[in-house]
Amino acid sequence: MKTIKEAKDFDCVKLKNEIQAKIYEEIKDMNMSERIAYFHIPPAQDPFRSKLRA
C-alpha cells in the first residue's frame, strides 16, 4: 500500500491557484456585465471543462 506522499501525483491547491490566477487575468479589466457573460459561456467552449474530459 502506498503512503500519502507516494500517492500524491499533483498538488490540488497549486492547480486551483493557477486556474484562479488565469481567470483573474482574463476578467480583471471587465465590467460587471462582461464578467457575468464570461461565466455563462457554454460548457463546450469552456477550456477548463475540456481539460476535465481529457
N, C-alpha and C. Protein backbone atom coordinates (compact mmCIF):
# COMPACT_ATOMS: atom_id res chain seq x y z
N MET A 1 0.84 -1.18 0.00
CA MET A 1 0.00 0.00 0.00
C MET A 1 0.89 1.25 0.00
N LYS A 2 0.53 2.21 -0.83
CA LYS A 2 1.31 3.44 -0.93
C LYS A 2 0.97 4.38 0.21
N THR A 3 1.98 5.13 0.63
CA THR A 3 1.73 6.17 1.62
C THR A 3 1.15 7.39 0.90
N ILE A 4 0.66 8.33 1.66
CA ILE A 4 0.08 9.53 1.06
C ILE A 4 1.11 10.27 0.22
N LYS A 5 2.32 10.40 0.70
CA LYS A 5 3.35 11.12 -0.05
C LYS A 5 3.69 10.41 -1.35
N GLU A 6 3.69 9.09 -1.37
CA GLU A 6 3.99 8.35 -2.59
C GLU A 6 2.84 8.44 -3.59
N ALA A 7 1.62 8.50 -3.12
CA ALA A 7 0.45 8.51 -3.99
C ALA A 7 0.13 9.90 -4.54
N LYS A 8 0.70 10.93 -3.97
CA LYS A 8 0.37 12.29 -4.38
C LYS A 8 1.10 12.64 -5.68
N ASP A 9 0.34 12.64 -6.79
CA ASP A 9 0.92 12.93 -8.09
C ASP A 9 0.82 14.39 -8.48
N PHE A 10 -0.14 15.09 -7.90
CA PHE A 10 -0.30 16.50 -8.22
C PHE A 10 -0.76 17.26 -6.99
N ASP A 11 -0.56 18.57 -7.04
CA ASP A 11 -0.92 19.44 -5.92
C ASP A 11 -2.22 20.15 -6.27
N CYS A 12 -3.31 19.75 -5.63
CA CYS A 12 -4.64 20.29 -5.91
C CYS A 12 -4.69 21.79 -5.62
N VAL A 13 -4.11 22.22 -4.54
CA VAL A 13 -4.15 23.64 -4.18
C VAL A 13 -3.37 24.47 -5.19
N LYS A 14 -2.24 23.95 -5.65
CA LYS A 14 -1.45 24.65 -6.66
C LYS A 14 -2.25 24.79 -7.96
N LEU A 15 -2.93 23.73 -8.37
CA LEU A 15 -3.75 23.77 -9.57
C LEU A 15 -4.87 24.79 -9.43
N LYS A 16 -5.54 24.80 -8.28
CA LYS A 16 -6.61 25.77 -8.02
C LYS A 16 -6.09 27.20 -8.12
N ASN A 17 -4.94 27.45 -7.52
CA ASN A 17 -4.35 28.79 -7.56
C ASN A 17 -3.98 29.21 -8.97
N GLU A 18 -3.46 28.28 -9.76
CA GLU A 18 -3.11 28.59 -11.16
C GLU A 18 -4.35 28.92 -11.97
N ILE A 19 -5.42 28.16 -11.78
CA ILE A 19 -6.66 28.43 -12.51
C ILE A 19 -7.25 29.77 -12.09
N GLN A 20 -7.26 30.05 -10.78
CA GLN A 20 -7.78 31.33 -10.30
C GLN A 20 -6.97 32.50 -10.85
N ALA A 21 -5.66 32.36 -10.93
CA ALA A 21 -4.81 33.43 -11.45
C ALA A 21 -5.11 33.67 -12.93
N LYS A 22 -5.32 32.59 -13.68
CA LYS A 22 -5.62 32.73 -15.10
C LYS A 22 -6.96 33.43 -15.29
N ILE A 23 -7.96 33.01 -14.52
CA ILE A 23 -9.28 33.65 -14.63
C ILE A 23 -9.19 35.12 -14.25
N TYR A 24 -8.46 35.43 -13.19
CA TYR A 24 -8.31 36.82 -12.77
C TYR A 24 -7.70 37.66 -13.90
N GLU A 25 -6.66 37.15 -14.56
CA GLU A 25 -6.03 37.89 -15.64
C GLU A 25 -7.00 38.13 -16.79
N GLU A 26 -7.89 37.17 -17.03
CA GLU A 26 -8.84 37.31 -18.12
C GLU A 26 -9.97 38.30 -17.80
N ILE A 27 -10.34 38.42 -16.53
CA ILE A 27 -11.51 39.25 -16.20
C ILE A 27 -11.18 40.56 -15.49
N LYS A 28 -9.93 40.81 -15.18
CA LYS A 28 -9.60 41.97 -14.35
C LYS A 28 -10.02 43.31 -14.95
N ASP A 29 -10.05 43.43 -16.26
CA ASP A 29 -10.42 44.70 -16.89
C ASP A 29 -11.86 44.72 -17.39
N MET A 30 -12.65 43.71 -17.04
CA MET A 30 -14.04 43.65 -17.49
C MET A 30 -14.96 44.35 -16.50
N ASN A 31 -16.07 44.89 -17.04
CA ASN A 31 -17.08 45.43 -16.14
C ASN A 31 -17.97 44.28 -15.67
N MET A 32 -18.93 44.57 -14.80
CA MET A 32 -19.73 43.50 -14.19
C MET A 32 -20.54 42.72 -15.22
N SER A 33 -21.14 43.38 -16.18
CA SER A 33 -21.93 42.66 -17.18
C SER A 33 -21.05 41.76 -18.05
N GLU A 34 -19.84 42.20 -18.35
CA GLU A 34 -18.90 41.35 -19.11
C GLU A 34 -18.47 40.14 -18.29
N ARG A 35 -18.28 40.33 -16.98
CA ARG A 35 -17.91 39.21 -16.12
C ARG A 35 -19.03 38.18 -16.03
N ILE A 36 -20.26 38.66 -15.94
CA ILE A 36 -21.40 37.75 -15.90
C ILE A 36 -21.46 36.94 -17.19
N ALA A 37 -21.28 37.60 -18.32
CA ALA A 37 -21.28 36.90 -19.62
C ALA A 37 -20.12 35.90 -19.69
N TYR A 38 -18.97 36.27 -19.16
CA TYR A 38 -17.80 35.38 -19.17
C TYR A 38 -18.09 34.07 -18.45
N PHE A 39 -18.76 34.15 -17.32
CA PHE A 39 -19.02 32.95 -16.53
C PHE A 39 -20.25 32.17 -17.01
N HIS A 40 -20.94 32.69 -18.00
CA HIS A 40 -22.09 31.98 -18.56
C HIS A 40 -21.79 31.45 -19.96
N ILE A 41 -20.55 31.09 -20.21
CA ILE A 41 -20.20 30.52 -21.52
C ILE A 41 -20.69 29.08 -21.61
N PRO A 42 -21.01 28.61 -22.80
CA PRO A 42 -21.45 27.22 -22.95
C PRO A 42 -20.35 26.24 -22.52
N PRO A 43 -20.71 25.13 -21.92
CA PRO A 43 -19.70 24.17 -21.45
C PRO A 43 -18.74 23.71 -22.54
N ALA A 44 -19.21 23.62 -23.78
CA ALA A 44 -18.34 23.16 -24.87
C ALA A 44 -17.20 24.13 -25.14
N GLN A 45 -17.36 25.40 -24.82
CA GLN A 45 -16.33 26.40 -25.07
C GLN A 45 -15.45 26.67 -23.85
N ASP A 46 -15.76 26.04 -22.74
CA ASP A 46 -15.01 26.26 -21.50
C ASP A 46 -13.71 25.48 -21.53
N PRO A 47 -12.55 26.16 -21.52
CA PRO A 47 -11.27 25.45 -21.61
C PRO A 47 -11.00 24.55 -20.41
N PHE A 48 -11.53 24.89 -19.25
CA PHE A 48 -11.27 24.07 -18.06
C PHE A 48 -12.10 22.79 -18.10
N ARG A 49 -13.32 22.88 -18.58
CA ARG A 49 -14.15 21.68 -18.68
C ARG A 49 -13.60 20.72 -19.73
N SER A 50 -13.01 21.26 -20.79
CA SER A 50 -12.43 20.37 -21.82
C SER A 50 -11.24 19.61 -21.25
N LYS A 51 -10.49 20.23 -20.33
CA LYS A 51 -9.37 19.54 -19.70
C LYS A 51 -9.86 18.43 -18.78
N LEU A 52 -11.02 18.63 -18.15
CA LEU A 52 -11.56 17.60 -17.26
C LEU A 52 -11.95 16.36 -18.05
N ARG A 53 -12.44 16.56 -19.28
CA ARG A 53 -12.84 15.43 -20.10
C ARG A 53 -11.65 14.63 -20.59
N ALA A 54 -10.51 15.27 -20.75
CA ALA A 54 -9.31 14.60 -21.29
C ALA A 54 -8.69 13.63 -20.31
